[in-house]
Structure formats: structure tokens, C-alpha cells
Amino acid sequence: MQTSQSFGIHFTTRPDIAKDGKEPIYAYVTVNRQRAYIALKQNVDPKNWDSGKGAAKVTRMKIY
């Protein structure tokens, strides 16, 4: 008998628990339709987050 397994990883932010105007970034891993959220302990400004891609928007930064 053949079994089928699935795996996926996606990134999202949680606006409901934002602090100082920044939203925490979470990864959610799905294995065989079971989902687990993992806090990445990083925050992002909502205007710099592309929810369609599930990633931060690329911006140029000055490093001093």
C-alpha cells in the first residue's frame, strides 16, 4: 500500500500581537495537514512585509 505525505513551510506576521508598530514574524510548517506555528523572534514593520510572497520587501539600507 502506498502512502502520500505532504510538507509545506510558509511565513506570516501576526498583526494582532504587534508591539511598537512592528509585527512578529512566524513560520508555519504543515505536515500531512497538521500545522504548527514557530515564532522566529523577529519583528517587521507592516509596510515592509509582502503578504502575497510571505517575505519582507527588499529595501536598501545604509550600514554605518
PDB file of N, CA and C in Angstrom:
ATOM      1  N   MET A   1       0.829  -1.171   0.000  1.00  0.00           N
ATOM      2  CA  MET A   1       0.000   0.000   0.000  1.00  0.00           C
ATOM      3  C   MET A   1       0.882   1.246   0.000  1.00  0.00           C
ATOM      4  N   GLN A   2       0.554   2.188  -0.857  1.00  0.00           N
ATOM      5  CA  GLN A   2       1.345   3.408  -0.992  1.00  0.00           C
ATOM      6  C   GLN A   2       0.720   4.519  -0.142  1.00  0.00           C
ATOM      7  N   THR A   3       1.571   5.238   0.591  1.00  0.00           N
ATOM      8  CA  THR A   3       1.076   6.355   1.396  1.00  0.00           C
ATOM      9  C   THR A   3       1.541   7.662   0.780  1.00  0.00           C
ATOM     10  N   SER A   4       0.764   8.685   0.992  1.00  0.00           N
ATOM     11  CA  SER A   4       1.086  10.002   0.464  1.00  0.00           C
ATOM     12  C   SER A   4       1.338  10.947   1.632  1.00  0.00           C
ATOM     13  N   GLN A   5       2.432  11.699   1.554  1.00  0.00           N
ATOM     14  CA  GLN A   5       2.768  12.648   2.604  1.00  0.00           C
ATOM     15  C   GLN A   5       2.942  14.019   1.988  1.00  0.00           C
ATOM     16  N   SER A   6       2.628  15.038   2.762  1.00  0.00           N
ATOM     17  CA  SER A   6       2.793  16.401   2.271  1.00  0.00           C
ATOM     18  C   SER A   6       3.578  17.217   3.292  1.00  0.00           C
ATOM     19  N   PHE A   7       4.264  18.239   2.792  1.00  0.00           N
ATOM     20  CA  PHE A   7       5.075  19.109   3.639  1.00  0.00           C
ATOM     21  C   PHE A   7       5.056  20.507   3.048  1.00  0.00           C
ATOM     22  N   GLY A   8       4.943  21.504   3.898  1.00  0.00           N
ATOM     23  CA  GLY A   8       4.979  22.887   3.430  1.00  0.00           C
ATOM     24  C   GLY A   8       5.468  23.807   4.530  1.00  0.00           C
ATOM     25  N   ILE A   9       6.105  24.894   4.146  1.00  0.00           N
ATOM     26  CA  ILE A   9       6.535  25.904   5.104  1.00  0.00           C
ATOM     27  C   ILE A   9       6.198  27.271   4.527  1.00  0.00           C
ATOM     28  N   HIS A  10       5.596  28.116   5.342  1.00  0.00           N
ATOM     29  CA  HIS A  10       5.178  29.446   4.932  1.00  0.00           C
ATOM     30  C   HIS A  10       5.518  30.433   6.041  1.00  0.00           C
ATOM     31  N   PHE A  11       5.606  31.696   5.681  1.00  0.00           N
ATOM     32  CA  PHE A  11       5.915  32.742   6.646  1.00  0.00           C
ATOM     33  C   PHE A  11       4.779  33.746   6.676  1.00  0.00           C
ATOM     34  N   THR A  12       4.474  34.238   7.868  1.00  0.00           N
ATOM     35  CA  THR A  12       3.396  35.197   8.040  1.00  0.00           C
ATOM     36  C   THR A  12       3.704  36.102   9.227  1.00  0.00           C
ATOM     37  N   THR A  13       2.947  37.180   9.351  1.00  0.00           N
ATOM     38  CA  THR A  13       3.073  38.052  10.516  1.00  0.00           C
ATOM     39  C   THR A  13       1.787  37.961  11.322  1.00  0.00           C
ATOM     40  N   ARG A  14       1.863  38.401  12.566  1.00  0.00           N
ATOM     41  CA  ARG A  14       0.691  38.388  13.442  1.00  0.00           C
ATOM     42  C   ARG A  14       0.367  39.814  13.864  1.00  0.00           C
ATOM     43  N   PRO A  15      -0.502  40.513  13.132  1.00  0.00           N
ATOM     44  CA  PRO A  15      -0.821  41.900  13.469  1.00  0.00           C
ATOM     45  C   PRO A  15      -1.575  42.049  14.786  1.00  0.00           C
ATOM     46  N   ASP A  16      -2.215  40.991  15.259  1.00  0.00           N
ATOM     47  CA  ASP A  16      -2.983  41.079  16.498  1.00  0.00           C
ATOM     48  C   ASP A  16      -2.101  41.195  17.742  1.00  0.00           C
ATOM     49  N   ILE A  17      -0.814  40.874  17.631  1.00  0.00           N
ATOM     50  CA  ILE A  17       0.083  40.992  18.786  1.00  0.00           C
ATOM     51  C   ILE A  17       1.267  41.902  18.470  1.00  0.00           C
ATOM     52  N   ALA A  18       1.032  42.926  17.666  1.00  0.00           N
ATOM     53  CA  ALA A  18       2.088  43.867  17.281  1.00  0.00           C
ATOM     54  C   ALA A  18       2.507  44.718  18.480  1.00  0.00           C
ATOM     55  N   LYS A  19       3.806  45.038  18.523  1.00  0.00           N
ATOM     56  CA  LYS A  19       4.349  45.920  19.554  1.00  0.00           C
ATOM     57  C   LYS A  19       5.138  47.019  18.868  1.00  0.00           C
ATOM     58  N   ASP A  20       4.981  48.230  19.341  1.00  0.00           N
ATOM     59  CA  ASP A  20       5.713  49.381  18.805  1.00  0.00           C
ATOM     60  C   ASP A  20       5.526  49.526  17.294  1.00  0.00           C
ATOM     61  N   GLY A  21       4.374  49.129  16.785  1.00  0.00           N
ATOM     62  CA  GLY A  21       4.097  49.259  15.357  1.00  0.00           C
ATOM     63  C   GLY A  21       4.734  48.193  14.494  1.00  0.00           C
ATOM     64  N   LYS A  22       5.400  47.220  15.102  1.00  0.00           N
ATOM     65  CA  LYS A  22       6.030  46.135  14.339  1.00  0.00           C
ATOM     66  C   LYS A  22       5.338  44.819  14.665  1.00  0.00           C
ATOM     67  N   GLU A  23       5.218  43.985  13.649  1.00  0.00           N
ATOM     68  CA  GLU A  23       4.533  42.704  13.802  1.00  0.00           C
ATOM     69  C   GLU A  23       5.545  41.564  13.892  1.00  0.00           C
ATOM     70  N   PRO A  24       5.319  40.589  14.775  1.00  0.00           N
ATOM     71  CA  PRO A  24       6.222  39.442  14.864  1.00  0.00           C
ATOM     72  C   PRO A  24       6.062  38.521  13.651  1.00  0.00           C
ATOM     73  N   ILE A  25       7.162  37.931  13.238  1.00  0.00           N
ATOM     74  CA  ILE A  25       7.164  37.014  12.093  1.00  0.00           C
ATOM     75  C   ILE A  25       7.071  35.580  12.613  1.00  0.00           C
ATOM     76  N   TYR A  26       6.187  34.816  11.993  1.00  0.00           N
ATOM     77  CA  TYR A  26       6.000  33.415  12.338  1.00  0.00           C
ATOM     78  C   TYR A  26       6.195  32.563  11.095  1.00  0.00           C
ATOM     79  N   ALA A  27       6.725  31.362  11.299  1.00  0.00           N
ATOM     80  CA  ALA A  27       6.767  30.353  10.241  1.00  0.00           C
ATOM     81  C   ALA A  27       5.725  29.314  10.620  1.00  0.00           C
ATOM     82  N   TYR A  28       4.986  28.841   9.643  1.00  0.00           N
ATOM     83  CA  TYR A  28       4.129  27.711   9.958  1.00  0.00           C
ATOM     84  C   TYR A  28       4.466  26.567   9.037  1.00  0.00           C
ATOM     85  N   VAL A  29       4.633  25.423   9.673  1.00  0.00           N
ATOM     86  CA  VAL A  29       5.028  24.198   8.989  1.00  0.00           C
ATOM     87  C   VAL A  29       3.808  23.284   8.947  1.00  0.00           C
ATOM     88  N   THR A  30       3.517  22.780   7.772  1.00  0.00           N
ATOM     89  CA  THR A  30       2.386  21.877   7.608  1.00  0.00           C
ATOM     90  C   THR A  30       2.909  20.523   7.151  1.00  0.00           C
ATOM     91  N   VAL A  31       2.569  19.489   7.907  1.00  0.00           N
ATOM     92  CA  VAL A  31       2.934  18.117   7.550  1.00  0.00           C
ATOM     93  C   VAL A  31       1.659  17.287   7.623  1.00  0.00           C
ATOM     94  N   ASN A  32       1.285  16.723   6.504  1.00  0.00           N
ATOM     95  CA  ASN A  32       0.074  15.894   6.423  1.00  0.00           C
ATOM     96  C   ASN A  32      -1.139  16.606   7.027  1.00  0.00           C
ATOM     97  N   ARG A  33      -1.334  17.853   6.636  1.00  0.00           N
ATOM     98  CA  ARG A  33      -2.467  18.689   7.048  1.00  0.00           C
ATOM     99  C   ARG A  33      -2.451  19.088   8.517  1.00  0.00           C
ATOM    100  N   GLN A  34      -1.373  18.857   9.224  1.00  0.00           N
ATOM    101  CA  GLN A  34      -1.248  19.289  10.613  1.00  0.00           C
ATOM    102  C   GLN A  34      -0.296  20.469  10.636  1.00  0.00           C
ATOM    103  N   ARG A  35      -0.747  21.580  11.217  1.00  0.00           N
ATOM    104  CA  ARG A  35       0.001  22.830  11.176  1.00  0.00           C
ATOM    105  C   ARG A  35       0.585  23.156  12.546  1.00  0.00           C
ATOM    106  N   ALA A  36       1.835  23.642  12.535  1.00  0.00           N
ATOM    107  CA  ALA A  36       2.497  24.099  13.759  1.00  0.00           C
ATOM    108  C   ALA A  36       3.118  25.461  13.486  1.00  0.00           C
ATOM    109  N   TYR A  37       2.888  26.410  14.393  1.00  0.00           N
ATOM    110  CA  TYR A  37       3.454  27.754  14.269  1.00  0.00           C
ATOM    111  C   TYR A  37       4.740  27.837  15.064  1.00  0.00           C
ATOM    112  N   ILE A  38       5.726  28.529  14.495  1.00  0.00           N
ATOM    113  CA  ILE A  38       7.018  28.712  15.151  1.00  0.00           C
ATOM    114  C   ILE A  38       7.331  30.196  15.154  1.00  0.00           C
ATOM    115  N   ALA A  39       7.534  30.767  16.338  1.00  0.00           N
ATOM    116  CA  ALA A  39       7.891  32.183  16.451  1.00  0.00           C
ATOM    117  C   ALA A  39       9.362  32.346  16.082  1.00  0.00           C
ATOM    118  N   LEU A  40       9.653  33.253  15.163  1.00  0.00           N
ATOM    119  CA  LEU A  40      11.032  33.456  14.719  1.00  0.00           C
ATOM    120  C   LEU A  40      11.760  34.512  15.542  1.00  0.00           C
ATOM    121  N   LYS A  41      11.043  35.151  16.469  1.00  0.00           N
ATOM    122  CA  LYS A  41      11.611  36.163  17.360  1.00  0.00           C
ATOM    123  C   LYS A  41      12.218  37.338  16.596  1.00  0.00           C
ATOM    124  N   GLN A  42      11.606  37.661  15.457  1.00  0.00           N
ATOM    125  CA  GLN A  42      11.978  38.825  14.655  1.00  0.00           C
ATOM    126  C   GLN A  42      10.706  39.616  14.383  1.00  0.00           C
ATOM    127  N   ASN A  43      10.837  40.933  14.310  1.00  0.00           N
ATOM    128  CA  ASN A  43       9.697  41.798  14.033  1.00  0.00           C
ATOM    129  C   ASN A  43       9.939  42.565  12.748  1.00  0.00           C
ATOM    130  N   VAL A  44       8.843  42.951  12.090  1.00  0.00           N
ATOM    131  CA  VAL A  44       8.945  43.678  10.832  1.00  0.00           C
ATOM    132  C   VAL A  44       7.872  44.762  10.819  1.00  0.00           C
ATOM    133  N   ASP A  45       8.203  45.882  10.216  1.00  0.00           N
ATOM    134  CA  ASP A  45       7.229  46.944  10.011  1.00  0.00           C
ATOM    135  C   ASP A  45       6.232  46.446   8.966  1.00  0.00           C
ATOM    136  N   PRO A  46       4.933  46.572   9.211  1.00  0.00           N
ATOM    137  CA  PRO A  46       3.937  46.047   8.261  1.00  0.00           C
ATOM    138  C   PRO A  46       4.073  46.604   6.849  1.00  0.00           C
ATOM    139  N   LYS A  47       4.554  47.824   6.699  1.00  0.00           N
ATOM    140  CA  LYS A  47       4.696  48.382   5.353  1.00  0.00           C
ATOM    141  C   LYS A  47       5.861  47.744   4.593  1.00  0.00           C
ATOM    142  N   ASN A  48       6.738  47.026   5.302  1.00  0.00           N
ATOM    143  CA  ASN A  48       7.865  46.346   4.662  1.00  0.00           C
ATOM    144  C   ASN A  48       7.615  44.845   4.488  1.00  0.00           C
ATOM    145  N   TRP A  49       6.382  44.396   4.688  1.00  0.00           N
ATOM    146  CA  TRP A  49       6.054  42.973   4.570  1.00  0.00           C
ATOM    147  C   TRP A  49       5.157  42.744   3.362  1.00  0.00           C
ATOM    148  N   ASP A  50       5.530  41.800   2.522  1.00  0.00           N
ATOM    149  CA  ASP A  50       4.726  41.431   1.354  1.00  0.00           C
ATOM    150  C   ASP A  50       3.975  40.148   1.699  1.00  0.00           C
ATOM    151  N   SER A  51       2.704  40.280   2.039  1.00  0.00           N
ATOM    152  CA  SER A  51       1.937  39.113   2.471  1.00  0.00           C
ATOM    153  C   SER A  51       1.695  38.128   1.326  1.00  0.00           C
ATOM    154  N   GLY A  52       1.677  38.602   0.093  1.00  0.00           N
ATOM    155  CA  GLY A  52       1.497  37.711  -1.050  1.00  0.00           C
ATOM    156  C   GLY A  52       2.665  36.758  -1.223  1.00  0.00           C
ATOM    157  N   LYS A  53       3.868  37.264  -0.989  1.00  0.00           N
ATOM    158  CA  LYS A  53       5.071  36.436  -1.102  1.00  0.00           C
ATOM    159  C   LYS A  53       5.438  35.775   0.218  1.00  0.00           C
ATOM    160  N   GLY A  54       4.915  36.297   1.320  1.00  0.00           N
ATOM    161  CA  GLY A  54       5.278  35.757   2.627  1.00  0.00           C
ATOM    162  C   GLY A  54       6.718  36.070   2.964  1.00  0.00           C
ATOM    163  N   ALA A  55       7.152  37.285   2.603  1.00  0.00           N
ATOM    164  CA  ALA A  55       8.539  37.680   2.837  1.00  0.00           C
ATOM    165  C   ALA A  55       8.620  39.189   3.002  1.00  0.00           C
ATOM    166  N   ALA A  56       9.722  39.636   3.562  1.00  0.00           N
ATOM    167  CA  ALA A  56       9.947  41.070   3.698  1.00  0.00           C
ATOM    168  C   ALA A  56      10.276  41.657   2.331  1.00  0.00           C
ATOM    169  N   LYS A  57       9.835  42.892   2.125  1.00  0.00           N
ATOM    170  CA  LYS A  57      10.155  43.586   0.884  1.00  0.00           C
ATOM    171  C   LYS A  57      11.623  43.976   0.906  1.00  0.00           C
ATOM    172  N   VAL A  58      12.245  43.933  -0.236  1.00  0.00           N
ATOM    173  CA  VAL A  58      13.659  44.281  -0.345  1.00  0.00           C
ATOM    174  C   VAL A  58      13.780  45.797  -0.320  1.00  0.00           C
ATOM    175  N   THR A  59      14.594  46.284   0.580  1.00  0.00           N
ATOM    176  CA  THR A  59      14.853  47.717   0.671  1.00  0.00           C
ATOM    177  C   THR A  59      16.351  47.930   0.781  1.00  0.00           C
ATOM    178  N   ARG A  60      16.775  49.093   0.383  1.00  0.00           N
ATOM    179  CA  ARG A  60      18.186  49.431   0.541  1.00  0.00           C
ATOM    180  C   ARG A  60      18.380  50.051   1.910  1.00  0.00           C
ATOM    181  N   MET A  61      19.400  49.619   2.578  1.00  0.00           N
ATOM    182  CA  MET A  61      19.691  50.147   3.907  1.00  0.00           C
ATOM    183  C   MET A  61      21.097  50.718   3.914  1.00  0.00           C
ATOM    184  N   LYS A  62      21.276  51.767   4.665  1.00  0.00           N
ATOM    185  CA  LYS A  62      22.612  52.301   4.863  1.00  0.00           C
ATOM    186  C   LYS A  62      23.193  51.649   6.106  1.00  0.00           C
ATOM    187  N   ILE A  63      24.360  51.109   5.959  1.00  0.00           N
ATOM    188  CA  ILE A  63      25.038  50.478   7.088  1.00  0.00           C
ATOM    189  C   ILE A  63      26.211  51.361   7.466  1.00  0.00           C
ATOM    190  N   TYR A  64      26.229  51.780   8.699  1.00  0.00           N
ATOM    191  CA  TYR A  64      27.294  52.674   9.165  1.00  0.00           C
ATOM    192  C   TYR A  64      28.321  51.923   9.956  1.00  0.00           C
TER     193      TYR A  64
END
